[in-house]
């Protein structure tokens, strides 16, 4: 015979089901809280790592900026050293080639529109000028830059308009073939020779006149 289901039985079943539901809800809440806490920990760790990366990047940028300034300073001082080596010899070197320059000046600059430039050394007399670009290491690009400057020289320095103008490049190190390249384009090439410098062009060289 079937046992009748009482109201108390139904209530007990409901209470048991509710307790299980509450347990499941509580477990879900616990897992959600754990996931949220883990995410917050991951987020905090990511923030910490990002902050640490920012600090390291800032430090590297400071080091790079300092190094750049140091290198620029060394480059500038080395460039001055090379100019100091070249300039004292310039007058005598060109006089020996029949170009009677008498005086030199360094770092002449022009800010005229379309002709801004700086010439490292210029040697002159009354009607002749030699514009000399000095590099610690002379490359083909440097030669091209000098040729471009020579084409605009009279615009940059109009007071030299009546002068017979020659161009020269000087280098302690000269990339392979660059001396020949400069020679073919009518530039004098000045290179280190022992403790001083010398013109590398042979006696048959005929310089371009700008």
N, C-alpha and C. Protein backbone atom coordinates (compact mmCIF):
# COMPACT_ATOMS: atom_id res chain seq x y z
N UNK A 1 0.85 -1.19 0.00
CA UNK A 1 0.00 0.00 0.00
C UNK A 1 0.88 1.24 0.00
N UNK A 2 0.55 2.19 -0.79
CA UNK A 2 1.37 3.38 -0.92
C UNK A 2 1.21 4.27 0.29
N UNK A 3 2.39 4.74 0.81
CA UNK A 3 2.37 5.64 1.96
C UNK A 3 1.94 7.01 1.50
N UNK A 4 0.97 7.58 2.11
CA UNK A 4 0.52 8.90 1.66
C UNK A 4 1.60 9.98 1.89
N UNK A 5 1.69 10.93 0.96
CA UNK A 5 2.64 12.05 1.07
C UNK A 5 1.95 13.15 1.87
N UNK A 6 2.61 13.51 2.94
CA UNK A 6 2.02 14.51 3.81
C UNK A 6 2.61 15.89 3.48
N UNK A 7 1.97 16.89 4.04
CA UNK A 7 2.45 18.26 3.88
C UNK A 7 3.83 18.41 4.50
N UNK A 8 4.07 17.68 5.58
CA UNK A 8 5.38 17.73 6.24
C UNK A 8 6.45 17.15 5.34
N UNK A 9 6.07 16.06 4.61
CA UNK A 9 7.03 15.46 3.68
C UNK A 9 7.41 16.46 2.58
N UNK A 10 6.40 17.14 2.08
CA UNK A 10 6.66 18.13 1.03
C UNK A 10 7.53 19.26 1.56
N UNK A 11 7.27 19.68 2.77
CA UNK A 11 8.05 20.76 3.37
C UNK A 11 9.50 20.32 3.58
N UNK A 12 9.68 19.06 4.06
CA UNK A 12 11.04 18.53 4.25
C UNK A 12 11.79 18.50 2.93
N UNK A 13 11.08 18.06 1.86
CA UNK A 13 11.70 18.01 0.54
C UNK A 13 12.08 19.43 0.09
N UNK A 14 11.20 20.37 0.27
CA UNK A 14 11.48 21.76 -0.10
C UNK A 14 12.67 22.30 0.68
N UNK A 15 12.66 22.00 2.00
CA UNK A 15 13.75 22.50 2.85
C UNK A 15 15.09 21.90 2.42
N UNK A 16 15.05 20.60 2.09
CA UNK A 16 16.29 19.95 1.65
C UNK A 16 16.77 20.56 0.32
N UNK A 17 15.83 20.77 -0.59
CA UNK A 17 16.17 21.35 -1.89
C UNK A 17 16.69 22.77 -1.72
N UNK A 18 16.07 23.52 -0.82
CA UNK A 18 16.50 24.90 -0.58
C UNK A 18 17.90 24.93 0.01
N UNK A 19 18.16 24.01 0.93
CA UNK A 19 19.48 23.94 1.55
C UNK A 19 20.55 23.63 0.50
N UNK A 20 20.20 22.68 -0.42
CA UNK A 20 21.16 22.33 -1.48
C UNK A 20 21.38 23.52 -2.42
N UNK A 21 20.26 24.22 -2.70
CA UNK A 21 20.38 25.40 -3.56
C UNK A 21 21.23 26.46 -2.88
N UNK A 22 20.97 26.66 -1.58
CA UNK A 22 21.77 27.64 -0.84
C UNK A 22 23.24 27.26 -0.83
N UNK A 23 23.49 25.94 -0.66
CA UNK A 23 24.88 25.48 -0.66
C UNK A 23 25.54 25.74 -2.00
N UNK A 24 24.79 25.49 -3.07
CA UNK A 24 25.34 25.69 -4.41
C UNK A 24 25.56 27.19 -4.68
N UNK A 25 24.59 28.00 -4.23
CA UNK A 25 24.77 29.44 -4.40
C UNK A 25 25.98 29.93 -3.62
N UNK A 26 26.12 29.41 -2.40
CA UNK A 26 27.27 29.82 -1.57
C UNK A 26 28.59 29.38 -2.22
N UNK A 27 28.58 28.17 -2.79
CA UNK A 27 29.79 27.68 -3.46
C UNK A 27 30.11 28.52 -4.70
N UNK A 28 29.03 28.87 -5.42
CA UNK A 28 29.23 29.72 -6.60
C UNK A 28 29.78 31.09 -6.19
N UNK A 29 29.21 31.65 -5.07
CA UNK A 29 29.70 32.93 -4.58
C UNK A 29 31.16 32.83 -4.15
N UNK A 30 31.50 31.72 -3.49
CA UNK A 30 32.89 31.54 -3.04
C UNK A 30 33.83 31.46 -4.23
N UNK A 31 33.43 30.68 -5.25
CA UNK A 31 34.28 30.55 -6.43
C UNK A 31 34.40 31.89 -7.17
N UNK A 32 33.27 32.61 -7.23
CA UNK A 32 33.29 33.93 -7.88
C UNK A 32 34.23 34.87 -7.13
N UNK A 33 34.16 34.84 -5.81
CA UNK A 33 35.03 35.69 -4.99
C UNK A 33 36.49 35.31 -5.19
N UNK A 34 36.75 33.99 -5.26
CA UNK A 34 38.12 33.55 -5.48
C UNK A 34 38.63 33.98 -6.86
N UNK A 35 37.76 33.83 -7.86
CA UNK A 35 38.15 34.26 -9.20
C UNK A 35 38.40 35.76 -9.24
N UNK A 36 37.51 36.53 -8.56
CA UNK A 36 37.68 37.98 -8.53
C UNK A 36 38.98 38.36 -7.82
N UNK A 37 39.25 37.69 -6.70
CA UNK A 37 40.48 37.96 -5.96
C UNK A 37 41.71 37.60 -6.79
N UNK A 38 41.62 36.46 -7.50
CA UNK A 38 42.75 36.06 -8.35
C UNK A 38 42.96 37.06 -9.47
N UNK A 39 41.85 37.54 -10.05
CA UNK A 39 41.95 38.53 -11.11
C UNK A 39 42.54 39.83 -10.58
N UNK A 40 42.11 40.21 -9.37
CA UNK A 40 42.66 41.43 -8.77
C UNK A 40 44.15 41.28 -8.50
N UNK A 41 44.55 40.05 -8.06
CA UNK A 41 45.98 39.81 -7.83
C UNK A 41 46.75 39.89 -9.14
N UNK A 42 46.15 39.27 -10.20
CA UNK A 42 46.81 39.34 -11.50
C UNK A 42 46.89 40.78 -12.00
N UNK A 43 45.81 41.53 -11.80
CA UNK A 43 45.80 42.92 -12.22
C UNK A 43 46.83 43.74 -11.45
N UNK A 44 46.89 43.49 -10.13
CA UNK A 44 47.87 44.21 -9.31
C UNK A 44 49.28 43.85 -9.73
N UNK A 45 49.50 42.54 -10.05
CA UNK A 45 50.83 42.10 -10.48
C UNK A 45 51.18 42.72 -11.83
N UNK A 46 50.16 42.77 -12.72
CA UNK A 46 50.39 43.39 -14.02
C UNK A 46 50.70 44.87 -13.86
N UNK A 47 49.99 45.54 -12.96
CA UNK A 47 50.26 46.96 -12.71
C UNK A 47 51.67 47.14 -12.15
N UNK A 48 52.05 46.22 -11.22
CA UNK A 48 53.39 46.31 -10.64
C UNK A 48 54.45 46.11 -11.70
N UNK A 49 54.22 45.12 -12.56
CA UNK A 49 55.20 44.86 -13.62
C UNK A 49 55.26 46.02 -14.62
N UNK A 50 54.07 46.58 -14.94
CA UNK A 50 54.04 47.72 -15.85
C UNK A 50 54.77 48.91 -15.25
N UNK A 51 54.54 49.14 -13.94
CA UNK A 51 55.23 50.25 -13.28
C UNK A 51 56.73 50.01 -13.26
N UNK A 52 57.13 48.75 -13.01
CA UNK A 52 58.55 48.41 -12.99
C UNK A 52 59.15 48.59 -14.39
N UNK A 53 58.39 48.17 -15.42
CA UNK A 53 58.86 48.34 -16.80
C UNK A 53 59.01 49.83 -17.13
N UNK A 54 58.04 50.64 -16.65
CA UNK A 54 58.12 52.09 -16.90
C UNK A 54 59.36 52.67 -16.23
N UNK A 55 59.63 52.22 -14.99
CA UNK A 55 60.81 52.72 -14.29
C UNK A 55 62.09 52.32 -15.02
N UNK A 56 62.13 51.08 -15.47
CA UNK A 56 63.32 50.62 -16.20
C UNK A 56 63.49 51.38 -17.51
N UNK A 57 62.35 51.59 -18.22
CA UNK A 57 62.42 52.33 -19.47
C UNK A 57 62.90 53.76 -19.24
N UNK A 58 62.37 54.39 -18.19
CA UNK A 58 62.80 55.75 -17.86
C UNK A 58 64.29 55.79 -17.55
N UNK A 59 64.75 54.77 -16.81
CA UNK A 59 66.18 54.71 -16.48
C UNK A 59 67.02 54.53 -17.74
N UNK A 60 66.57 53.63 -18.63
CA UNK A 60 67.29 53.41 -19.88
C UNK A 60 67.31 54.67 -20.74
N UNK A 61 66.19 55.40 -20.76
CA UNK A 61 66.13 56.64 -21.54
C UNK A 61 67.10 57.67 -20.99
N UNK A 62 67.19 57.73 -19.63
CA UNK A 62 68.15 58.67 -19.03
C UNK A 62 69.58 58.27 -19.39
N UNK A 63 69.86 56.95 -19.33
CA UNK A 63 71.20 56.46 -19.68
C UNK A 63 71.50 56.75 -21.14
N UNK A 64 70.50 56.50 -22.02
CA UNK A 64 70.70 56.73 -23.46
C UNK A 64 70.94 58.21 -23.74
N UNK A 65 70.16 59.07 -23.06
CA UNK A 65 70.33 60.51 -23.27
C UNK A 65 71.71 60.96 -22.80
N UNK A 66 72.12 60.44 -21.65
CA UNK A 66 73.44 60.79 -21.12
C UNK A 66 74.54 60.29 -22.05
N UNK A 67 74.38 59.03 -22.51
CA UNK A 67 75.37 58.46 -23.43
C UNK A 67 75.44 59.24 -24.72
N UNK A 68 74.25 59.64 -25.23
CA UNK A 68 74.20 60.41 -26.46
C UNK A 68 74.94 61.73 -26.30
N UNK A 69 74.74 62.39 -25.14
CA UNK A 69 75.45 63.65 -24.89
C UNK A 69 76.95 63.42 -24.82
N UNK A 70 77.33 62.32 -24.15
CA UNK A 70 78.76 62.01 -24.04
C UNK A 70 79.38 61.74 -25.41
N UNK A 71 78.65 60.93 -26.21
CA UNK A 71 79.15 60.61 -27.56
C UNK A 71 79.24 61.86 -28.41
N UNK A 72 78.18 62.71 -28.30
CA UNK A 72 78.20 63.96 -29.07
C UNK A 72 79.38 64.82 -28.66
N UNK A 73 79.64 64.85 -27.35
CA UNK A 73 80.78 65.63 -26.86
C UNK A 73 82.10 65.08 -27.37
N UNK A 74 82.23 63.74 -27.34
CA UNK A 74 83.46 63.12 -27.84
C UNK A 74 83.61 63.37 -29.34
N UNK A 75 82.47 63.24 -30.08
CA UNK A 75 82.52 63.47 -31.53
C UNK A 75 82.94 64.89 -31.83
N UNK A 76 82.37 65.83 -31.07
CA UNK A 76 82.72 67.23 -31.28
C UNK A 76 84.19 67.48 -30.98
N UNK A 77 84.66 66.91 -29.86
CA UNK A 77 86.08 67.11 -29.50
C UNK A 77 87.00 66.45 -30.53
N UNK A 78 86.61 65.26 -31.02
CA UNK A 78 87.43 64.59 -32.02
C UNK A 78 87.44 65.39 -33.31
N UNK A 79 86.27 65.94 -33.69
CA UNK A 79 86.20 66.78 -34.88
C UNK A 79 87.11 68.00 -34.75
N UNK A 80 87.11 68.60 -33.55
CA UNK A 80 87.98 69.75 -33.32
C UNK A 80 89.45 69.35 -33.41
N UNK A 81 89.75 68.15 -32.90
CA UNK A 81 91.13 67.66 -32.97
C UNK A 81 91.57 67.52 -34.44
N UNK A 82 90.68 66.94 -35.26
CA UNK A 82 91.03 66.75 -36.67
C UNK A 82 91.21 68.10 -37.35
N UNK A 83 90.31 69.06 -37.06
CA UNK A 83 90.45 70.39 -37.63
C UNK A 83 91.75 71.05 -37.18
N UNK A 84 92.09 70.84 -35.92
CA UNK A 84 93.35 71.41 -35.40
C UNK A 84 94.57 70.80 -36.10
N UNK A 85 94.41 69.57 -36.54
CA UNK A 85 95.50 68.92 -37.28
C UNK A 85 95.59 69.45 -38.71
N UNK A 86 94.44 69.69 -39.33
CA UNK A 86 94.41 70.08 -40.74
C UNK A 86 94.73 71.56 -40.93
N UNK A 87 94.10 72.43 -40.15
CA UNK A 87 94.19 73.86 -40.43
C UNK A 87 95.62 74.42 -40.47
N UNK A 88 96.50 74.08 -39.53
CA UNK A 88 97.84 74.68 -39.59
C UNK A 88 98.63 74.34 -40.86
N UNK A 89 98.26 73.21 -41.49
CA UNK A 89 99.01 72.78 -42.67
C UNK A 89 98.44 73.32 -43.97
N UNK A 90 97.22 73.85 -43.92
CA UNK A 90 96.50 74.17 -45.14
C UNK A 90 97.23 75.19 -46.02
N UNK A 91 97.65 76.29 -45.44
CA UNK A 91 98.29 77.35 -46.24
C UNK A 91 99.50 76.81 -46.99
N UNK A 92 100.37 76.13 -46.25
CA UNK A 92 101.59 75.61 -46.88
C UNK A 92 101.27 74.56 -47.94
N UNK A 93 100.28 73.69 -47.68
CA UNK A 93 99.94 72.65 -48.64
C UNK A 93 99.47 73.23 -49.97
N UNK A 94 98.59 74.23 -49.90
CA UNK A 94 98.05 74.77 -51.15
C UNK A 94 99.04 75.71 -51.84
N UNK A 95 99.85 76.39 -51.06
CA UNK A 95 100.89 77.20 -51.70
C UNK A 95 101.83 76.31 -52.49
N UNK A 96 102.11 75.11 -51.96
CA UNK A 96 102.98 74.17 -52.68
C UNK A 96 102.35 73.71 -53.99
N UNK A 97 101.00 73.81 -54.09
CA UNK A 97 100.30 73.46 -55.32
C UNK A 97 100.05 74.69 -56.20
N UNK A 98 100.65 75.81 -55.85
CA UNK A 98 100.51 77.01 -56.67
C UNK A 98 99.26 77.81 -56.39
N UNK A 99 98.55 77.48 -55.31
CA UNK A 99 97.36 78.23 -54.93
C UNK A 99 97.74 79.10 -53.74
N UNK A 100 97.94 80.37 -53.98
CA UNK A 100 98.60 81.25 -53.00
C UNK A 100 97.65 81.77 -51.91
N UNK A 101 97.05 80.86 -51.18
CA UNK A 101 96.23 81.29 -50.04
C UNK A 101 97.14 81.81 -48.93
N UNK A 102 96.64 82.76 -48.16
CA UNK A 102 97.46 83.40 -47.13
C UNK A 102 96.86 83.28 -45.73
N UNK A 103 95.58 83.04 -45.63
CA UNK A 103 94.95 83.02 -44.31
C UNK A 103 93.83 81.99 -44.28
N UNK A 104 93.47 81.57 -43.07
CA UNK A 104 92.40 80.58 -42.90
C UNK A 104 91.39 81.06 -41.86
N UNK A 105 90.20 80.53 -41.97
CA UNK A 105 89.16 80.75 -40.96
C UNK A 105 88.39 79.45 -40.79
N UNK A 106 87.83 79.28 -39.59
CA UNK A 106 87.12 78.03 -39.30
C UNK A 106 85.65 78.30 -39.02
N UNK A 107 84.85 77.28 -39.38
CA UNK A 107 83.42 77.27 -39.07
C UNK A 107 82.69 78.52 -39.56
N UNK A 108 82.88 78.86 -40.81
CA UNK A 108 82.10 79.98 -41.34
C UNK A 108 80.69 79.47 -41.65
N UNK A 109 79.68 80.27 -41.30
CA UNK A 109 78.29 79.83 -41.42
C UNK A 109 77.48 80.84 -42.21
N UNK A 110 76.48 80.31 -42.90
CA UNK A 110 75.52 81.15 -43.60
C UNK A 110 74.11 80.69 -43.25
N UNK A 111 73.23 81.66 -42.99
CA UNK A 111 71.83 81.36 -42.73
C UNK A 111 70.94 81.92 -43.85
N UNK A 112 71.54 82.23 -45.00
CA UNK A 112 70.75 82.78 -46.10
C UNK A 112 69.76 81.72 -46.60
N UNK A 113 68.50 82.13 -46.86
CA UNK A 113 67.48 81.17 -47.32
C UNK A 113 67.94 80.39 -48.55
N UNK A 114 67.78 79.08 -48.47
CA UNK A 114 68.16 78.22 -49.59
C UNK A 114 69.64 77.93 -49.66
N UNK A 115 70.42 78.50 -48.76
CA UNK A 115 71.88 78.29 -48.82
C UNK A 115 72.47 78.19 -47.41
N UNK A 116 71.70 77.67 -46.47
CA UNK A 116 72.25 77.50 -45.12
C UNK A 116 73.36 76.44 -45.16
N UNK A 117 74.48 76.78 -44.63
CA UNK A 117 75.57 75.81 -44.59
C UNK A 117 76.66 76.27 -43.63
N UNK A 118 77.54 75.33 -43.31
CA UNK A 118 78.73 75.62 -42.53
C UNK A 118 79.92 75.00 -43.23
N UNK A 119 80.99 75.76 -43.35
CA UNK A 119 82.24 75.27 -43.94
C UNK A 119 83.27 75.15 -42.83
N UNK A 120 83.87 73.97 -42.72
CA UNK A 120 84.80 73.72 -41.60
C UNK A 120 86.00 74.66 -41.63
N UNK A 121 86.66 74.73 -42.78
CA UNK A 121 87.85 75.59 -42.93
C UNK A 121 87.79 76.26 -44.29
N UNK A 122 88.11 77.53 -44.34
CA UNK A 122 88.26 78.20 -45.63
C UNK A 122 89.62 78.88 -45.65
N UNK A 123 90.34 78.68 -46.74
CA UNK A 123 91.65 79.31 -46.93
C UNK A 123 91.51 80.29 -48.09
N UNK A 124 92.02 81.52 -47.91
CA UNK A 124 91.80 82.57 -48.93
C UNK A 124 93.05 83.42 -49.14
N UNK A 125 93.07 84.08 -50.29
CA UNK A 125 93.90 85.26 -50.48
C UNK A 125 93.00 86.28 -51.17
N UNK A 126 93.57 87.19 -51.95
CA UNK A 126 92.76 88.25 -52.51
C UNK A 126 91.72 87.82 -53.51
N UNK A 127 91.95 86.73 -54.25
CA UNK A 127 90.99 86.35 -55.28
C UNK A 127 90.79 84.84 -55.39
N UNK A 128 91.32 84.08 -54.43
CA UNK A 128 91.19 82.62 -54.43
C UNK A 128 90.68 82.18 -53.06
N UNK A 129 89.77 81.19 -53.08
CA UNK A 129 89.28 80.60 -51.83
C UNK A 129 89.22 79.09 -52.00
N UNK A 130 89.60 78.39 -50.94
CA UNK A 130 89.48 76.93 -50.92
C UNK A 130 88.59 76.56 -49.73
N UNK A 131 87.44 75.94 -50.03
CA UNK A 131 86.52 75.50 -48.98
C UNK A 131 86.86 74.05 -48.65
N UNK A 132 87.09 73.78 -47.36
CA UNK A 132 87.58 72.46 -46.94
C UNK A 132 86.62 71.87 -45.92
N UNK A 133 86.14 70.68 -46.21
CA UNK A 133 85.28 69.94 -45.28
C UNK A 133 86.13 68.88 -44.58
N UNK A 134 86.08 68.85 -43.26
CA UNK A 134 86.95 67.96 -42.47
C UNK A 134 86.11 66.89 -41.79
N UNK A 135 86.50 65.63 -41.96
CA UNK A 135 85.81 64.51 -41.33
C UNK A 135 86.84 63.58 -40.67
N UNK A 136 86.46 63.02 -39.54
CA UNK A 136 87.34 62.01 -38.95
C UNK A 136 87.37 60.77 -39.84
N UNK A 137 86.19 60.41 -40.41
CA UNK A 137 86.13 59.33 -41.39
C UNK A 137 85.38 59.84 -42.61
N UNK A 138 86.02 59.85 -43.72
CA UNK A 138 85.45 60.42 -44.94
C UNK A 138 84.75 59.34 -45.75
N UNK A 139 83.48 59.58 -46.05
CA UNK A 139 82.69 58.63 -46.84
C UNK A 139 82.29 59.25 -48.17
N UNK A 140 81.75 58.43 -49.03
CA UNK A 140 81.26 58.92 -50.34
C UNK A 140 80.14 59.95 -50.13
N UNK A 141 79.29 59.70 -49.15
CA UNK A 141 78.21 60.65 -48.88
C UNK A 141 78.76 62.01 -48.47
N UNK A 142 79.85 62.01 -47.70
CA UNK A 142 80.48 63.28 -47.33
C UNK A 142 80.95 64.04 -48.57
N UNK A 143 81.50 63.31 -49.50
CA UNK A 143 81.96 63.95 -50.74
C UNK A 143 80.78 64.55 -51.49
N UNK A 144 79.68 63.80 -51.57
CA UNK A 144 78.48 64.32 -52.25
C UNK A 144 77.96 65.57 -51.54
N UNK A 145 78.00 65.57 -50.21
CA UNK A 145 77.55 66.74 -49.45
C UNK A 145 78.41 67.97 -49.79
N UNK A 146 79.72 67.75 -49.90
CA UNK A 146 80.63 68.86 -50.22
C UNK A 146 80.34 69.38 -51.63
N UNK A 147 80.14 68.49 -52.57
CA UNK A 147 79.84 68.91 -53.93
C UNK A 147 78.55 69.74 -53.98
N UNK A 148 77.56 69.31 -53.19
CA UNK A 148 76.30 70.06 -53.14
C UNK A 148 76.52 71.44 -52.52
N UNK A 149 77.35 71.50 -51.47
CA UNK A 149 77.67 72.79 -50.85
C UNK A 149 78.41 73.70 -51.83
N UNK A 150 79.32 73.14 -52.59
CA UNK A 150 80.10 73.97 -53.51
C UNK A 150 79.18 74.62 -54.54
N UNK A 151 78.14 73.89 -54.94
CA UNK A 151 77.20 74.44 -55.91
C UNK A 151 76.41 75.62 -55.37
N UNK A 152 76.27 75.70 -54.04
CA UNK A 152 75.50 76.81 -53.44
C UNK A 152 76.39 77.81 -52.70
N UNK A 153 77.69 77.63 -52.78
CA UNK A 153 78.61 78.42 -51.96
C UNK A 153 78.47 79.92 -52.22
N UNK A 154 78.42 80.31 -53.47
CA UNK A 154 78.38 81.75 -53.79
C UNK A 154 77.05 82.38 -53.33
N UNK A 155 75.99 81.58 -53.34
CA UNK A 155 74.72 82.08 -52.81
C UNK A 155 74.79 82.25 -51.30
N UNK A 156 75.49 81.31 -50.64
CA UNK A 156 75.61 81.37 -49.17
C UNK A 156 76.55 82.50 -48.76
N UNK A 157 77.62 82.69 -49.51
CA UNK A 157 78.64 83.69 -49.15
C UNK A 157 78.90 84.61 -50.35
N UNK A 158 77.99 85.52 -50.63
CA UNK A 158 78.10 86.35 -51.84
C UNK A 158 79.34 87.24 -51.88
N UNK A 159 79.95 87.50 -50.70
CA UNK A 159 81.16 88.32 -50.71
C UNK A 159 82.35 87.58 -51.33
N UNK A 160 82.18 86.26 -51.60
CA UNK A 160 83.22 85.51 -52.30
C UNK A 160 82.88 85.36 -53.79
N UNK A 161 81.90 86.12 -54.28
CA UNK A 161 81.43 85.94 -55.66
C UNK A 161 82.54 86.10 -56.70
N UNK A 162 83.47 87.00 -56.45
CA UNK A 162 84.52 87.26 -57.44
C UNK A 162 85.73 86.34 -57.27
N UNK A 163 85.70 85.47 -56.29
CA UNK A 163 86.84 84.61 -56.01
C UNK A 163 86.85 83.40 -56.93
N UNK A 164 88.03 82.89 -57.20
CA UNK A 164 88.18 81.60 -57.85
C UNK A 164 88.08 80.55 -56.74
N UNK A 165 87.08 79.68 -56.83
CA UNK A 165 86.74 78.81 -55.70
C UNK A 165 87.10 77.35 -55.98
N UNK A 166 87.83 76.75 -55.05
CA UNK A 166 88.17 75.33 -55.10
C UNK A 166 87.54 74.62 -53.89
N UNK A 167 87.42 73.30 -54.00
CA UNK A 167 86.89 72.49 -52.90
C UNK A 167 87.88 71.42 -52.48
N UNK A 168 87.81 71.06 -51.19
CA UNK A 168 88.70 70.02 -50.67
C UNK A 168 87.98 69.25 -49.57
N UNK A 169 88.36 67.98 -49.42
CA UNK A 169 87.87 67.16 -48.32
C UNK A 169 89.08 66.62 -47.57
N UNK A 170 88.92 66.51 -46.26
CA UNK A 170 90.02 65.99 -45.43
C UNK A 170 89.49 64.92 -44.50
N UNK A 171 90.28 63.88 -44.30
CA UNK A 171 89.86 62.80 -43.40
C UNK A 171 91.04 62.07 -42.82
N UNK A 172 90.88 61.64 -41.57
CA UNK A 172 91.89 60.77 -40.96
C UNK A 172 91.75 59.36 -41.50
N UNK A 173 90.50 58.89 -41.57
CA UNK A 173 90.18 57.62 -42.23
C UNK A 173 89.40 57.94 -43.48
N UNK A 174 89.68 57.24 -44.56
CA UNK A 174 88.96 57.46 -45.82
C UNK A 174 88.47 56.11 -46.32
N UNK A 175 87.14 56.00 -46.50
CA UNK A 175 86.57 54.74 -46.98
C UNK A 175 87.18 54.37 -48.34
N UNK A 176 87.19 53.06 -48.59
CA UNK A 176 87.81 52.55 -49.82
C UNK A 176 87.21 53.20 -51.06
N UNK A 177 88.08 53.72 -51.91
CA UNK A 177 87.65 54.29 -53.18
C UNK A 177 87.15 55.71 -53.10
N UNK A 178 86.95 56.24 -51.89
CA UNK A 178 86.38 57.58 -51.75
C UNK A 178 87.37 58.65 -52.18
N UNK A 179 88.66 58.44 -51.92
CA UNK A 179 89.66 59.41 -52.36
C UNK A 179 89.64 59.54 -53.89
N UNK A 180 89.52 58.41 -54.56
CA UNK A 180 89.46 58.43 -56.03
C UNK A 180 88.19 59.11 -56.51
N UNK A 181 87.09 58.83 -55.83
CA UNK A 181 85.79 59.44 -56.17
C UNK A 181 85.87 60.96 -56.05
N UNK A 182 86.44 61.44 -54.96
CA UNK A 182 86.59 62.89 -54.77
C UNK A 182 87.52 63.48 -55.82
N UNK A 183 88.61 62.79 -56.09
CA UNK A 183 89.59 63.23 -57.10
C UNK A 183 88.90 63.42 -58.45
N UNK A 184 88.08 62.44 -58.85
CA UNK A 184 87.43 62.48 -60.16
C UNK A 184 86.44 63.64 -60.27
N UNK A 185 85.96 64.10 -59.15
CA UNK A 185 85.00 65.22 -59.15
C UNK A 185 85.66 66.56 -58.87
N UNK A 186 86.97 66.57 -58.96
CA UNK A 186 87.69 67.83 -58.91
C UNK A 186 87.99 68.37 -57.53
N UNK A 187 87.86 67.53 -56.50
CA UNK A 187 88.16 67.97 -55.14
C UNK A 187 89.57 67.57 -54.73
N UNK A 188 90.24 68.45 -54.00
CA UNK A 188 91.48 68.06 -53.34
C UNK A 188 91.15 67.10 -52.20
N UNK A 189 92.03 66.15 -51.97
CA UNK A 189 91.87 65.19 -50.87
C UNK A 189 93.05 65.35 -49.92
N UNK A 190 92.75 65.67 -48.69
CA UNK A 190 93.79 65.84 -47.66
C UNK A 190 93.68 64.67 -46.70
N UNK A 191 94.80 63.97 -46.49
CA UNK A 191 94.75 62.81 -45.61
C UNK A 191 95.94 62.84 -44.65
N UNK A 192 95.83 62.04 -43.60
CA UNK A 192 96.89 61.98 -42.60
C UNK A 192 98.17 61.42 -43.22
N UNK A 193 99.27 62.04 -42.82
CA UNK A 193 100.58 61.56 -43.27
C UNK A 193 101.54 61.71 -42.10
N UNK A 194 101.78 60.62 -41.39
CA UNK A 194 102.61 60.69 -40.19
C UNK A 194 101.91 61.51 -39.12
N UNK A 195 102.59 62.52 -38.61
CA UNK A 195 102.01 63.36 -37.56
C UNK A 195 101.33 64.61 -38.13
N UNK A 196 101.30 64.72 -39.44
CA UNK A 196 100.64 65.88 -40.05
C UNK A 196 99.71 65.39 -41.15
N UNK A 197 99.41 66.24 -42.11
CA UNK A 197 98.54 65.85 -43.22
C UNK A 197 99.19 66.26 -44.54
N UNK A 198 98.72 65.67 -45.63
CA UNK A 198 99.26 65.96 -46.96
C UNK A 198 98.14 65.89 -47.98
N UNK A 199 98.32 66.56 -49.10
CA UNK A 199 97.38 66.45 -50.22
C UNK A 199 97.69 65.16 -50.97
N UNK A 200 96.66 64.32 -51.13
CA UNK A 200 96.87 63.01 -51.75
C UNK A 200 96.86 63.08 -53.28
N UNK A 201 96.27 64.13 -53.85
CA UNK A 201 96.16 64.22 -55.31
C UNK A 201 97.55 64.28 -55.95
N UNK A 202 97.71 63.59 -57.07
CA UNK A 202 99.02 63.59 -57.73
C UNK A 202 99.24 64.89 -58.49
N UNK A 203 100.42 65.02 -59.06
CA UNK A 203 100.82 66.28 -59.70
C UNK A 203 100.02 66.55 -60.97
N UNK A 204 99.37 65.53 -61.55
CA UNK A 204 98.60 65.75 -62.78
C UNK A 204 97.16 66.21 -62.49
N UNK A 205 96.80 66.26 -61.24
CA UNK A 205 95.42 66.62 -60.87
C UNK A 205 95.10 68.06 -61.26
N UNK A 206 93.92 68.25 -61.84
CA UNK A 206 93.44 69.56 -62.20
C UNK A 206 92.13 69.80 -61.43
N UNK A 207 92.14 70.66 -60.43
CA UNK A 207 90.95 70.84 -59.59
C UNK A 207 89.81 71.52 -60.34
N UNK A 208 88.60 71.19 -59.95
CA UNK A 208 87.43 71.89 -60.49
C UNK A 208 87.37 73.29 -59.90
N UNK A 209 86.87 74.22 -60.67
CA UNK A 209 86.70 75.58 -60.20
C UNK A 209 85.20 75.87 -60.17
N UNK A 210 84.71 76.32 -59.02
CA UNK A 210 83.28 76.63 -58.88
C UNK A 210 83.06 78.14 -58.99
